[in-house]
PDB file of N, CA and C in Angstrom:
ATOM      1  N   MET A   1     107.673 -29.665  93.027  1.00  0.00           N
ATOM      2  CA  MET A   1     109.022 -29.552  92.700  1.00  0.00           C
ATOM      3  C   MET A   1     109.428 -28.088  92.578  1.00  0.00           C
ATOM      4  N   THR A   2     108.663 -27.362  91.989  1.00  0.00           N
ATOM      5  CA  THR A   2     108.936 -25.941  91.758  1.00  0.00           C
ATOM      6  C   THR A   2     109.103 -25.215  93.072  1.00  0.00           C
ATOM      7  N   LEU A   3     108.194 -25.492  94.016  1.00  0.00           N
ATOM      8  CA  LEU A   3     108.272 -24.824  95.310  1.00  0.00           C
ATOM      9  C   LEU A   3     109.613 -25.215  96.041  1.00  0.00           C
ATOM     10  N   ALA A   4     109.869 -26.525  95.963  1.00  0.00           N
ATOM     11  CA  ALA A   4     111.074 -27.050  96.688  1.00  0.00           C
ATOM     12  C   ALA A   4     112.343 -26.404  96.044  1.00  0.00           C
ATOM     13  N   LEU A   5     112.373 -26.328  94.726  1.00  0.00           N
ATOM     14  CA  LEU A   5     113.472 -25.713  93.990  1.00  0.00           C
ATOM     15  C   LEU A   5     113.625 -24.212  94.376  1.00  0.00           C
ATOM     16  N   SER A   6     112.464 -23.535  94.522  1.00  0.00           N
ATOM     17  CA  SER A   6     112.532 -22.184  94.960  1.00  0.00           C
ATOM     18  C   SER A   6     112.994 -21.951  96.382  1.00  0.00           C
ATOM     19  N   VAL A   7     112.540 -22.902  97.294  1.00  0.00           N
ATOM     20  CA  VAL A   7     112.971 -22.761  98.655  1.00  0.00           C
ATOM     21  C   VAL A   7     114.468 -23.086  98.756  1.00  0.00           C
ATOM     22  N   LEU A   8     115.078 -24.033  97.980  1.00  0.00           N
ATOM     23  CA  LEU A   8     116.453 -24.290  98.058  1.00  0.00           C
ATOM     24  C   LEU A   8     117.255 -23.153  97.536  1.00  0.00           C
ATOM     25  N   LEU A   9     116.876 -22.551  96.420  1.00  0.00           N
ATOM     26  CA  LEU A   9     117.557 -21.408  95.892  1.00  0.00           C
ATOM     27  C   LEU A   9     117.520 -20.249  96.808  1.00  0.00           C
ATOM     28  N   GLY A  10     116.405 -20.049  97.444  1.00  0.00           N
ATOM     29  CA  GLY A  10     116.203 -19.059  98.392  1.00  0.00           C
ATOM     30  C   GLY A  10     117.124 -19.239  99.645  1.00  0.00           C
ATOM     31  N   LEU A  11     117.288 -20.420 100.096  1.00  0.00           N
ATOM     32  CA  LEU A  11     118.303 -20.737 101.146  1.00  0.00           C
ATOM     33  C   LEU A  11     119.654 -20.503 100.836  1.00  0.00           C
ATOM     34  N   VAL A  12     120.014 -20.902  99.550  1.00  0.00           N
ATOM     35  CA  VAL A  12     121.350 -20.532  99.076  1.00  0.00           C
ATOM     36  C   VAL A  12     121.577 -19.001  99.080  1.00  0.00           C
ATOM     37  N   ALA A  13     120.589 -18.330  98.586  1.00  0.00           N
ATOM     38  CA  ALA A  13     120.627 -16.800  98.511  1.00  0.00           C
ATOM     39  C   ALA A  13     120.886 -16.324  99.923  1.00  0.00           C
ATOM     40  N   LEU A  14     120.194 -16.805 100.968  1.00  0.00           N
ATOM     41  CA  LEU A  14     120.317 -16.298 102.281  1.00  0.00           C
ATOM     42  C   LEU A  14     121.744 -16.579 102.782  1.00  0.00           C
ATOM     43  N   ILE A  15     122.253 -17.762 102.453  1.00  0.00           N
ATOM     44  CA  ILE A  15     123.602 -18.130 102.852  1.00  0.00           C
ATOM     45  C   ILE A  15     124.682 -17.106 102.214  1.00  0.00           C
ATOM     46  N   CYS A  16     124.369 -16.986 100.882  1.00  0.00           N
ATOM     47  CA  CYS A  16     125.352 -15.944 100.289  1.00  0.00           C
ATOM     48  C   CYS A  16     125.210 -14.567 100.850  1.00  0.00           C
ATOM     49  N   PHE A  17     124.114 -14.082 101.194  1.00  0.00           N
ATOM     50  CA  PHE A  17     123.934 -12.766 101.746  1.00  0.00           C
ATOM     51  C   PHE A  17     124.667 -12.622 103.126  1.00  0.00           C
ATOM     52  N   LEU A  18     124.374 -13.620 103.976  1.00  0.00           N
ATOM     53  CA  LEU A  18     125.001 -13.647 105.302  1.00  0.00           C
ATOM     54  C   LEU A  18     126.470 -13.848 105.275  1.00  0.00           C
ATOM     55  N   GLY A  19     126.877 -14.877 104.538  1.00  0.00           N
ATOM     56  CA  GLY A  19     128.349 -15.166 104.524  1.00  0.00           C
ATOM     57  C   GLY A  19     129.149 -14.071 103.773  1.00  0.00           C
ATOM     58  N   GLY A  20     128.593 -13.512 102.629  1.00  0.00           N
ATOM     59  CA  GLY A  20     129.313 -12.528 101.940  1.00  0.00           C
ATOM     60  C   GLY A  20     129.401 -11.247 102.747  1.00  0.00           C
ATOM     61  N   THR A  21     128.371 -10.770 103.449  1.00  0.00           N
ATOM     62  CA  THR A  21     128.370  -9.665 104.290  1.00  0.00           C
ATOM     63  C   THR A  21     129.385  -9.832 105.440  1.00  0.00           C
ATOM     64  N   ASN A  22     129.369 -10.992 106.046  1.00  0.00           N
ATOM     65  CA  ASN A  22     130.237 -11.311 107.151  1.00  0.00           C
ATOM     66  C   ASN A  22     131.710 -11.170 106.869  1.00  0.00           C
ATOM     67  N   ILE A  23     132.047 -11.873 105.656  1.00  0.00           N
ATOM     68  CA  ILE A  23     133.412 -11.841 105.229  1.00  0.00           C
ATOM     69  C   ILE A  23     133.903 -10.382 104.735  1.00  0.00           C
ATOM     70  N   MET A  24     132.887  -9.705 104.035  1.00  0.00           N
ATOM     71  CA  MET A  24     133.150  -8.358 103.589  1.00  0.00           C
ATOM     72  C   MET A  24     133.558  -7.401 104.716  1.00  0.00           C
ATOM     73  N   LEU A  25     132.733  -7.563 105.864  1.00  0.00           N
ATOM     74  CA  LEU A  25     133.043  -6.618 106.952  1.00  0.00           C
ATOM     75  C   LEU A  25     134.300  -7.039 107.726  1.00  0.00           C
ATOM     76  N   LYS A  26     134.537  -8.313 107.863  1.00  0.00           N
ATOM     77  CA  LYS A  26     135.776  -8.778 108.615  1.00  0.00           C
ATOM     78  C   LYS A  26     137.020  -8.594 107.959  1.00  0.00           C
ATOM     79  N   GLY A  27     137.013  -9.011 106.650  1.00  0.00           N
ATOM     80  CA  GLY A  27     138.351  -8.964 105.955  1.00  0.00           C
ATOM     81  C   GLY A  27     139.232 -10.127 106.348  1.00  0.00           C
ATOM     82  N   ALA A  28     140.473 -10.080 105.861  1.00  0.00           N
ATOM     83  CA  ALA A  28     141.424 -11.150 106.043  1.00  0.00           C
ATOM     84  C   ALA A  28     142.025 -11.054 107.532  1.00  0.00           C
ATOM     85  N   MET A  29     142.230  -9.901 107.934  1.00  0.00           N
ATOM     86  CA  MET A  29     142.973  -9.722 109.220  1.00  0.00           C
ATOM     87  C   MET A  29     142.230 -10.368 110.321  1.00  0.00           C
ATOM     88  N   TYR A  30     140.894 -10.461 110.337  1.00  0.00           N
ATOM     89  CA  TYR A  30     140.099 -11.116 111.333  1.00  0.00           C
ATOM     90  C   TYR A  30     140.524 -12.508 111.589  1.00  0.00           C
ATOM     91  N   PHE A  31     140.919 -13.228 110.544  1.00  0.00           N
ATOM     92  CA  PHE A  31     141.266 -14.611 110.544  1.00  0.00           C
ATOM     93  C   PHE A  31     142.662 -14.958 110.816  1.00  0.00           C
ATOM     94  N   LEU A  32     143.536 -13.924 110.859  1.00  0.00           N
ATOM     95  CA  LEU A  32     144.914 -14.035 111.066  1.00  0.00           C
ATOM     96  C   LEU A  32     145.309 -13.697 112.575  1.00  0.00           C
ATOM     97  N   PRO A  33     146.425 -14.283 113.061  1.00  0.00           N
ATOM     98  CA  PRO A  33     146.968 -13.851 114.363  1.00  0.00           C
ATOM     99  C   PRO A  33     147.156 -12.307 114.386  1.00  0.00           C
ATOM    100  N   LYS A  34     146.935 -11.726 115.679  1.00  0.00           N
ATOM    101  CA  LYS A  34     146.981 -10.330 115.837  1.00  0.00           C
ATOM    102  C   LYS A  34     148.435  -9.767 115.643  1.00  0.00           C
ATOM    103  N   GLU A  35     149.423 -10.581 115.885  1.00  0.00           N
ATOM    104  CA  GLU A  35     150.827 -10.055 115.740  1.00  0.00           C
ATOM    105  C   GLU A  35     151.277  -9.972 114.237  1.00  0.00           C
ATOM    106  N   ILE A  36     150.566 -10.520 113.365  1.00  0.00           N
ATOM    107  CA  ILE A  36     150.927 -10.402 111.877  1.00  0.00           C
ATOM    108  C   ILE A  36     150.645  -9.146 111.346  1.00  0.00           C
ATOM    109  N   PRO A  37     151.538  -8.383 110.721  1.00  0.00           N
ATOM    110  CA  PRO A  37     151.205  -7.077 110.114  1.00  0.00           C
ATOM    111  C   PRO A  37     150.155  -7.114 109.132  1.00  0.00           C
ATOM    112  N   PRO A  38     149.512  -6.044 108.793  1.00  0.00           N
ATOM    113  CA  PRO A  38     148.495  -6.057 107.891  1.00  0.00           C
ATOM    114  C   PRO A  38     148.863  -6.646 106.470  1.00  0.00           C
ATOM    115  N   GLN A  39     148.053  -7.527 105.909  1.00  0.00           N
ATOM    116  CA  GLN A  39     148.239  -8.219 104.718  1.00  0.00           C
ATOM    117  C   GLN A  39     147.370  -7.520 103.618  1.00  0.00           C
ATOM    118  N   LEU A  40     147.881  -6.495 103.005  1.00  0.00           N
ATOM    119  CA  LEU A  40     147.034  -5.629 102.191  1.00  0.00           C
ATOM    120  C   LEU A  40     146.551  -6.392 100.982  1.00  0.00           C
ATOM    121  N   VAL A  41     147.365  -7.115 100.260  1.00  0.00           N
ATOM    122  CA  VAL A  41     146.944  -7.833  99.121  1.00  0.00           C
ATOM    123  C   VAL A  41     145.923  -8.932  99.490  1.00  0.00           C
ATOM    124  N   LEU A  42     146.304  -9.692 100.513  1.00  0.00           N
ATOM    125  CA  LEU A  42     145.344 -10.731 100.991  1.00  0.00           C
ATOM    126  C   LEU A  42     143.997 -10.176 101.402  1.00  0.00           C
ATOM    127  N   ASP A  43     144.019  -9.093 102.051  1.00  0.00           N
ATOM    128  CA  ASP A  43     142.678  -8.462 102.434  1.00  0.00           C
ATOM    129  C   ASP A  43     141.914  -7.945 101.252  1.00  0.00           C
ATOM    130  N   ASN A  44     142.628  -7.394 100.295  1.00  0.00           N
ATOM    131  CA  ASN A  44     141.975  -6.992  99.065  1.00  0.00           C
ATOM    132  C   ASN A  44     141.355  -8.205  98.265  1.00  0.00           C
ATOM    133  N   LEU A  45     142.036  -9.328  98.159  1.00  0.00           N
ATOM    134  CA  LEU A  45     141.548 -10.450  97.575  1.00  0.00           C
ATOM    135  C   LEU A  45     140.327 -11.043  98.265  1.00  0.00           C
ATOM    136  N   ILE A  46     140.408 -11.146  99.593  1.00  0.00           N
ATOM    137  CA  ILE A  46     139.434 -11.718 100.423  1.00  0.00           C
ATOM    138  C   ILE A  46     138.106 -10.901 100.254  1.00  0.00           C
ATOM    139  N   ARG A  47     138.265  -9.580 100.311  1.00  0.00           N
ATOM    140  CA  ARG A  47     137.023  -8.729 100.121  1.00  0.00           C
ATOM    141  C   ARG A  47     136.451  -8.763  98.752  1.00  0.00           C
ATOM    142  N   PHE A  48     137.370  -8.984  97.773  1.00  0.00           N
ATOM    143  CA  PHE A  48     136.857  -9.137  96.448  1.00  0.00           C
ATOM    144  C   PHE A  48     135.970 -10.346  96.281  1.00  0.00           C
ATOM    145  N   MET A  49     136.509 -11.439  96.856  1.00  0.00           N
ATOM    146  CA  MET A  49     135.807 -12.718  96.770  1.00  0.00           C
ATOM    147  C   MET A  49     134.486 -12.664  97.600  1.00  0.00           C
ATOM    148  N   ALA A  50     134.481 -11.936  98.631  1.00  0.00           N
ATOM    149  CA  ALA A  50     133.386 -11.739  99.529  1.00  0.00           C
ATOM    150  C   ALA A  50     132.351 -10.942  98.701  1.00  0.00           C
ATOM    151  N   GLY A  51     132.755  -9.999  97.933  1.00  0.00           N
ATOM    152  CA  GLY A  51     131.855  -9.226  97.031  1.00  0.00           C
ATOM    153  C   GLY A  51     131.189 -10.127  95.984  1.00  0.00           C
ATOM    154  N   ILE A  52     131.986 -11.125  95.460  1.00  0.00           N
ATOM    155  CA  ILE A  52     131.338 -12.057  94.459  1.00  0.00           C
ATOM    156  C   ILE A  52     130.352 -12.879  95.297  1.00  0.00           C
ATOM    157  N   TYR A  53     130.710 -13.337  96.460  1.00  0.00           N
ATOM    158  CA  TYR A  53     129.912 -14.175  97.267  1.00  0.00           C
ATOM    159  C   TYR A  53     128.509 -13.502  97.553  1.00  0.00           C
ATOM    160  N   LEU A  54     128.715 -12.218  98.033  1.00  0.00           N
ATOM    161  CA  LEU A  54     127.516 -11.437  98.329  1.00  0.00           C
ATOM    162  C   LEU A  54     126.667 -11.143  97.063  1.00  0.00           C
ATOM    163  N   GLY A  55     127.356 -10.876  95.944  1.00  0.00           N
ATOM    164  CA  GLY A  55     126.676 -10.531  94.750  1.00  0.00           C
ATOM    165  C   GLY A  55     125.899 -11.674  94.213  1.00  0.00           C
ATOM    166  N   SER A  56     126.448 -12.905  94.378  1.00  0.00           N
ATOM    167  CA  SER A  56     125.823 -14.063  93.899  1.00  0.00           C
ATOM    168  C   SER A  56     124.453 -14.401  94.657  1.00  0.00           C
ATOM    169  N   GLY A  57     124.355 -13.763  95.928  1.00  0.00           N
ATOM    170  CA  GLY A  57     123.170 -13.949  96.617  1.00  0.00           C
ATOM    171  C   GLY A  57     122.004 -13.274  95.841  1.00  0.00           C
ATOM    172  N   PHE A  58     122.198 -12.173  95.180  1.00  0.00           N
ATOM    173  CA  PHE A  58     121.175 -11.512  94.441  1.00  0.00           C
ATOM    174  C   PHE A  58     120.778 -12.382  93.251  1.00  0.00           C
ATOM    175  N   ILE A  59     121.722 -13.099  92.607  1.00  0.00           N
ATOM    176  CA  ILE A  59     121.398 -13.966  91.505  1.00  0.00           C
ATOM    177  C   ILE A  59     120.545 -15.061  91.972  1.00  0.00           C
ATOM    178  N   PHE A  60     120.932 -15.717  93.085  1.00  0.00           N
ATOM    179  CA  PHE A  60     120.092 -16.816  93.733  1.00  0.00           C
ATOM    180  C   PHE A  60     118.712 -16.347  94.169  1.00  0.00           C
ATOM    181  N   ALA A  61     118.717 -15.110  94.695  1.00  0.00           N
ATOM    182  CA  ALA A  61     117.350 -14.685  95.134  1.00  0.00           C
ATOM    183  C   ALA A  61     116.468 -14.406  93.920  1.00  0.00           C
ATOM    184  N   TYR A  62     117.032 -13.821  92.832  1.00  0.00           N
ATOM    185  CA  TYR A  62     116.241 -13.628  91.636  1.00  0.00           C
ATOM    186  C   TYR A  62     115.695 -15.002  91.086  1.00  0.00           C
ATOM    187  N   ALA A  63     116.648 -16.003  91.103  1.00  0.00           N
ATOM    188  CA  ALA A  63     116.336 -17.344  90.640  1.00  0.00           C
ATOM    189  C   ALA A  63     115.302 -17.976  91.436  1.00  0.00           C
ATOM    190  N   SER A  64     115.236 -17.792  92.725  1.00  0.00           N
ATOM    191  CA  SER A  64     114.321 -18.391  93.590  1.00  0.00           C
ATOM    192  C   SER A  64     112.847 -17.746  93.397  1.00  0.00           C
ATOM    193  N   PHE A  65     112.819 -16.562  92.889  1.00  0.00           N
ATOM    194  CA  PHE A  65     111.484 -15.998  92.654  1.00  0.00           C
ATOM    195  C   PHE A  65     111.073 -16.200  91.202  1.00  0.00           C
ATOM    196  N   HIS A  66     111.923 -16.625  90.363  1.00  0.00           N
ATOM    197  CA  HIS A  66     111.660 -16.793  88.921  1.00  0.00           C
ATOM    198  C   HIS A  66     112.111 -18.196  88.452  1.00  0.00           C
ATOM    199  N   VAL A  67     111.746 -19.295  89.285  1.00  0.00           N
ATOM    200  CA  VAL A  67     112.113 -20.614  88.925  1.00  0.00           C
ATOM    201  C   VAL A  67     111.533 -20.987  87.542  1.00  0.00           C
ATOM    202  N   ALA A  68     110.265 -20.635  87.318  1.00  0.00           N
ATOM    203  CA  ALA A  68     109.730 -21.042  86.052  1.00  0.00           C
ATOM    204  C   ALA A  68     110.392 -20.465  84.826  1.00  0.00           C
ATOM    205  N   THR A  69     110.995 -19.362  84.982  1.00  0.00           N
ATOM    206  CA  THR A  69     111.529 -18.716  83.778  1.00  0.00           C
ATOM    207  C   THR A  69     113.094 -18.873  83.633  1.00  0.00           C
ATOM    208  N   ILE A  70     113.819 -19.405  84.631  1.00  0.00           N
ATOM    209  CA  ILE A  70     115.286 -19.403  84.561  1.00  0.00           C
ATOM    210  C   ILE A  70     115.734 -20.563  83.696  1.00  0.00           C
ATOM    211  N   GLY A  71     114.877 -21.518  83.442  1.00  0.00           N
ATOM    212  CA  GLY A  71     115.236 -22.646  82.604  1.00  0.00           C
ATOM    213  C   GLY A  71     116.435 -23.479  83.027  1.00  0.00           C
ATOM    214  N   ASN A  72     117.311 -23.790  82.099  1.00  0.00           N
ATOM    215  CA  ASN A  72     118.364 -24.612  82.360  1.00  0.00           C
ATOM    216  C   ASN A  72     119.457 -23.904  83.188  1.00  0.00           C
ATOM    217  N   MET A  73     119.445 -22.663  83.444  1.00  0.00           N
ATOM    218  CA  MET A  73     120.284 -21.882  84.317  1.00  0.00           C
ATOM    219  C   MET A  73     120.385 -22.490  85.763  1.00  0.00           C
ATOM    220  N   ALA A  74     119.273 -23.152  86.190  1.00  0.00           N
ATOM    221  CA  ALA A  74     119.215 -23.819  87.396  1.00  0.00           C
ATOM    222  C   ALA A  74     120.254 -24.825  87.617  1.00  0.00           C
ATOM    223  N   TYR A  75     120.674 -25.505  86.577  1.00  0.00           N
ATOM    224  CA  TYR A  75     121.722 -26.429  86.507  1.00  0.00           C
ATOM    225  C   TYR A  75     123.055 -25.772  86.912  1.00  0.00           C
ATOM    226  N   CYS A  76     123.308 -24.606  86.225  1.00  0.00           N
ATOM    227  CA  CYS A  76     124.491 -23.872  86.506  1.00  0.00           C
ATOM    228  C   CYS A  76     124.598 -23.391  87.915  1.00  0.00           C
ATOM    229  N   LEU A  77     123.441 -22.965  88.484  1.00  0.00           N
ATOM    230  CA  LEU A  77     123.445 -22.484  89.835  1.00  0.00           C
ATOM    231  C   LEU A  77     123.637 -23.668  90.840  1.00  0.00           C
ATOM    232  N   GLY A  78     123.089 -24.833  90.509  1.00  0.00           N
ATOM    233  CA  GLY A  78     123.314 -25.970  91.367  1.00  0.00           C
ATOM    234  C   GLY A  78     124.674 -26.436  91.335  1.00  0.00           C
ATOM    235  N   LEU A  79     125.330 -26.429  90.135  1.00  0.00           N
ATOM    236  CA  LEU A  79     126.719 -26.730  89.965  1.00  0.00           C
ATOM    237  C   LEU A  79     127.646 -25.716  90.776  1.00  0.00           C
ATOM    238  N   ALA A  80     127.373 -24.472  90.706  1.00  0.00           N
ATOM    239  CA  ALA A  80     128.135 -23.526  91.475  1.00  0.00           C
ATOM    240  C   ALA A  80     128.147 -23.830  92.932  1.00  0.00           C
ATOM    241  N   VAL A  81     127.014 -24.133  93.452  1.00  0.00           N
ATOM    242  CA  VAL A  81     126.914 -24.448  94.884  1.00  0.00           C
ATOM    243  C   VAL A  81     127.602 -25.728  95.233  1.00  0.00           C
ATOM    244  N   ALA A  82     127.473 -26.762  94.414  1.00  0.00           N
ATOM    245  CA  ALA A  82     128.211 -28.051  94.604  1.00  0.00           C
ATOM    246  C   ALA A  82     129.672 -27.818  94.480  1.00  0.00           C
ATOM    247  N   LEU A  83     130.154 -27.093  93.525  1.00  0.00           N
ATOM    248  CA  LEU A  83     131.513 -26.749  93.393  1.00  0.00           C
ATOM    249  C   LEU A  83     132.171 -26.024  94.612  1.00  0.00           C
ATOM    250  N   SER A  84     131.297 -25.175  95.231  1.00  0.00           N
ATOM    251  CA  SER A  84     131.742 -24.485  96.511  1.00  0.00           C
ATOM    252  C   SER A  84     132.055 -25.531  97.559  1.00  0.00           C
ATOM    253  N   GLY A  85     131.109 -26.574  97.632  1.00  0.00           N
ATOM    254  CA  GLY A  85     131.320 -27.601  98.612  1.00  0.00           C
ATOM    255  C   GLY A  85     132.557 -28.453  98.197  1.00  0.00           C
ATOM    256  N   PHE A  86     132.787 -28.743  97.013  1.00  0.00           N
ATOM    257  CA  PHE A  86     133.981 -29.534  96.525  1.00  0.00           C
ATOM    258  C   PHE A  86     135.259 -28.694  96.745  1.00  0.00           C
ATOM    259  N   GLY A  87     135.129 -27.338  96.775  1.00  0.00           N
ATOM    260  CA  GLY A  87     136.344 -26.527  97.077  1.00  0.00           C
ATOM    261  C   GLY A  87     136.680 -26.774  98.582  1.00  0.00           C
ATOM    262  N   ARG A  88     135.769 -26.802  99.322  1.00  0.00           N
ATOM    263  CA  ARG A  88     136.002 -27.149 100.760  1.00  0.00           C
ATOM    264  C   ARG A  88     136.598 -28.502 100.975  1.00  0.00           C
ATOM    265  N   LEU A  89     136.016 -29.396 100.158  1.00  0.00           N
ATOM    266  CA  LEU A  89     136.522 -30.729 100.263  1.00  0.00           C
ATOM    267  C   LEU A  89     138.051 -30.806  99.780  1.00  0.00           C
ATOM    268  N   TYR A  90     138.439 -30.092  98.772  1.00  0.00           N
ATOM    269  CA  TYR A  90     139.713 -30.103  98.255  1.00  0.00           C
ATOM    270  C   TYR A  90     140.656 -29.391  99.230  1.00  0.00           C
ATOM    271  N   SER A  91     140.164 -28.332  99.921  1.00  0.00           N
ATOM    272  CA  SER A  91     140.931 -27.648 101.023  1.00  0.00           C
ATOM    273  C   SER A  91     141.240 -28.608 102.187  1.00  0.00           C
ATOM    274  N   ARG A  92     140.191 -29.410 102.530  1.00  0.00           N
ATOM    275  CA  ARG A  92     140.319 -30.334 103.557  1.00  0.00           C
ATOM    276  C   ARG A  92     141.341 -31.476 103.186  1.00  0.00           C
ATOM    277  N   TYR A  93     141.320 -31.850 101.929  1.00  0.00           N
ATOM    278  CA  TYR A  93     142.341 -32.848 101.442  1.00  0.00           C
ATOM    279  C   TYR A  93     143.738 -32.238 101.480  1.00  0.00           C
ATOM    280  N   LYS A  94     143.892 -30.984 101.062  1.00  0.00           N
ATOM    281  CA  LYS A  94     145.172 -30.371 100.928  1.00  0.00           C
ATOM    282  C   LYS A  94     145.785 -29.906 102.353  1.00  0.00           C
ATOM    283  N   THR A  95     144.930 -29.391 103.230  1.00  0.00           N
ATOM    284  CA  THR A  95     145.458 -28.833 104.443  1.00  0.00           C
ATOM    285  C   THR A  95     144.914 -29.428 105.699  1.00  0.00           C
ATOM    286  N   GLY A  96     144.003 -30.338 105.645  1.00  0.00           N
ATOM    287  CA  GLY A  96     143.346 -30.873 106.843  1.00  0.00           C
ATOM    288  C   GLY A  96     142.045 -30.203 107.087  1.00  0.00           C
ATOM    289  N   THR A  97     141.381 -30.724 108.082  1.00  0.00           N
ATOM    290  CA  THR A  97     139.961 -30.193 108.483  1.00  0.00           C
ATOM    291  C   THR A  97     140.061 -28.899 109.227  1.00  0.00           C
ATOM    292  N   ALA A  98     139.246 -27.987 108.931  1.00  0.00           N
ATOM    293  CA  ALA A  98     139.152 -26.787 109.647  1.00  0.00           C
ATOM    294  C   ALA A  98     138.168 -26.872 110.864  1.00  0.00           C
ATOM    295  N   GLY A  99     137.620 -28.061 111.033  1.00  0.00           N
ATOM    296  CA  GLY A  99     136.741 -28.371 112.192  1.00  0.00           C
ATOM    297  C   GLY A  99     135.455 -28.851 111.709  1.00  0.00           C
ATOM    298  N   LYS A 100     134.708 -29.505 112.670  1.00  0.00           N
ATOM    299  CA  LYS A 100     133.468 -30.171 112.371  1.00  0.00           C
ATOM    300  C   LYS A 100     132.428 -29.188 111.697  1.00  0.00           C
ATOM    301  N   TYR A 101     132.399 -27.987 112.171  1.00  0.00           N
ATOM    302  CA  TYR A 101     131.423 -27.026 111.585  1.00  0.00           C
ATOM    303  C   TYR A 101     131.650 -26.807 110.146  1.00  0.00           C
ATOM    304  N   PHE A 102     132.991 -26.615 109.708  1.00  0.00           N
ATOM    305  CA  PHE A 102     133.174 -26.451 108.286  1.00  0.00           C
ATOM    306  C   PHE A 102     132.962 -27.804 107.518  1.00  0.00           C
ATOM    307  N   ASP A 103     133.198 -28.900 108.167  1.00  0.00           N
ATOM    308  CA  ASP A 103     132.889 -30.131 107.484  1.00  0.00           C
ATOM    309  C   ASP A 103     131.344 -30.300 107.186  1.00  0.00           C
ATOM    310  N   TYR A 104     130.571 -29.861 108.255  1.00  0.00           N
ATOM    311  CA  TYR A 104     129.168 -29.898 107.923  1.00  0.00           C
ATOM    312  C   TYR A 104     128.673 -28.941 106.913  1.00  0.00           C
ATOM    313  N   ILE A 105     129.256 -27.763 106.873  1.00  0.00           N
ATOM    314  CA  ILE A 105     128.901 -26.809 105.738  1.00  0.00           C
ATOM    315  C   ILE A 105     129.301 -27.368 104.510  1.00  0.00           C
ATOM    316  N   MET A 106     130.463 -28.129 104.366  1.00  0.00           N
ATOM    317  CA  MET A 106     130.868 -28.738 103.118  1.00  0.00           C
ATOM    318  C   MET A 106     129.805 -29.711 102.691  1.00  0.00           C
ATOM    319  N   VAL A 107     129.380 -30.570 103.561  1.00  0.00           N
ATOM    320  CA  VAL A 107     128.434 -31.574 103.172  1.00  0.00           C
ATOM    321  C   VAL A 107     126.968 -30.904 102.787  1.00  0.00           C
ATOM    322  N   VAL A 108     126.573 -29.890 103.473  1.00  0.00           N
ATOM    323  CA  VAL A 108     125.439 -29.160 103.198  1.00  0.00           C
ATOM    324  C   VAL A 108     125.454 -28.432 101.778  1.00  0.00           C
ATOM    325  N   GLU A 109     126.627 -27.906 101.412  1.00  0.00           N
ATOM    326  CA  GLU A 109     126.769 -27.288 100.201  1.00  0.00           C
ATOM    327  C   GLU A 109     126.728 -28.289  99.043  1.00  0.00           C
ATOM    328  N   ILE A 110     127.400 -29.403  99.240  1.00  0.00           N
ATOM    329  CA  ILE A 110     127.372 -30.384  98.179  1.00  0.00           C
ATOM    330  C   ILE A 110     126.003 -30.936  98.030  1.00  0.00           C
ATOM    331  N   PHE A 111     125.319 -31.164  99.145  1.00  0.00           N
ATOM    332  CA  PHE A 111     123.967 -31.650  99.048  1.00  0.00           C
ATOM    333  C   PHE A 111     122.960 -30.630  98.463  1.00  0.00           C
ATOM    334  N   LEU A 112     123.087 -29.342  98.796  1.00  0.00           N
ATOM    335  CA  LEU A 112     122.210 -28.379  98.280  1.00  0.00           C
ATOM    336  C   LEU A 112     122.414 -28.275  96.691  1.00  0.00           C
ATOM    337  N   GLY A 113     123.662 -28.262  96.406  1.00  0.00           N
ATOM    338  CA  GLY A 113     123.989 -28.163  94.873  1.00  0.00           C
ATOM    339  C   GLY A 113     123.331 -29.302  94.074  1.00  0.00           C
ATOM    340  N   PHE A 114     123.594 -30.546  94.634  1.00  0.00           N
ATOM    341  CA  PHE A 114     122.970 -31.651  93.894  1.00  0.00           C
ATOM    342  C   PHE A 114     121.447 -31.769  93.991  1.00  0.00           C
ATOM    343  N   SER A 115     120.985 -31.235  95.029  1.00  0.00           N
ATOM    344  CA  SER A 115     119.514 -31.153  95.228  1.00  0.00           C
ATOM    345  C   SER A 115     118.878 -30.290  94.177  1.00  0.00           C
ATOM    346  N   VAL A 116     119.446 -29.065  94.027  1.00  0.00           N
ATOM    347  CA  VAL A 116     118.927 -28.147  93.037  1.00  0.00           C
ATOM    348  C   VAL A 116     119.001 -28.851  91.578  1.00  0.00           C
ATOM    349  N   ILE A 117     120.086 -29.484  91.306  1.00  0.00           N
ATOM    350  CA  ILE A 117     120.177 -30.084  90.017  1.00  0.00           C
ATOM    351  C   ILE A 117     119.205 -31.229  89.770  1.00  0.00           C
ATOM    352  N   ILE A 118     119.094 -32.008  90.872  1.00  0.00           N
ATOM    353  CA  ILE A 118     118.091 -33.112  90.703  1.00  0.00           C
ATOM    354  C   ILE A 118     116.650 -32.636  90.662  1.00  0.00           C
ATOM    355  N   LEU A 119     116.295 -31.752  91.530  1.00  0.00           N
ATOM    356  CA  LEU A 119     114.988 -31.041  91.468  1.00  0.00           C
ATOM    357  C   LEU A 119     114.659 -30.495  90.111  1.00  0.00           C
ATOM    358  N   LYS A 120     115.619 -29.834  89.500  1.00  0.00           N
ATOM    359  CA  LYS A 120     115.518 -29.251  88.194  1.00  0.00           C
ATOM    360  C   LYS A 120     115.320 -30.314  87.138  1.00  0.00           C
ATOM    361  N   TRP A 121     115.996 -31.363  87.211  1.00  0.00           N
ATOM    362  CA  TRP A 121     115.885 -32.489  86.374  1.00  0.00           C
ATOM    363  C   TRP A 121     114.589 -33.081  86.337  1.00  0.00           C
ATOM    364  N   TYR A 122     113.974 -33.249  87.518  1.00  0.00           N
ATOM    365  CA  TYR A 122     112.661 -33.888  87.628  1.00  0.00           C
ATOM    366  C   TYR A 122     111.490 -32.937  87.470  1.00  0.00           C
ATOM    367  N   ARG A 123     111.803 -31.651  87.452  1.00  0.00           N
ATOM    368  CA  ARG A 123     110.639 -30.641  87.335  1.00  0.00           C
ATOM    369  C   ARG A 123     110.124 -30.647  85.989  1.00  0.00           C
TER     370      ARG A 123
END
């Protein structure tokens, strides 16, 4: 159980590192039509959230190497991952699907979050 929990937390860390770096480098304008003028406030907020996303990768990486000592914090980490998936689910409900790729990511995030919680529960 400990090894499985460590692997899942490491996978989440990798996702955070890659996703946070990707969005940090691209910013908001990458996702908007080219004819829209620069959205300075939106870009600032997007890169701020990307920094949180990237920074959380370090937290998950630390947790993956120290599963035995993080205690009940694993529940909070699992909940954070599951809530990110539920955020995508809420977005899908409010605005419609962003495509099958993002729907798969949503399902994986919810599954990963609950998997961390369940593995910690049985550990």
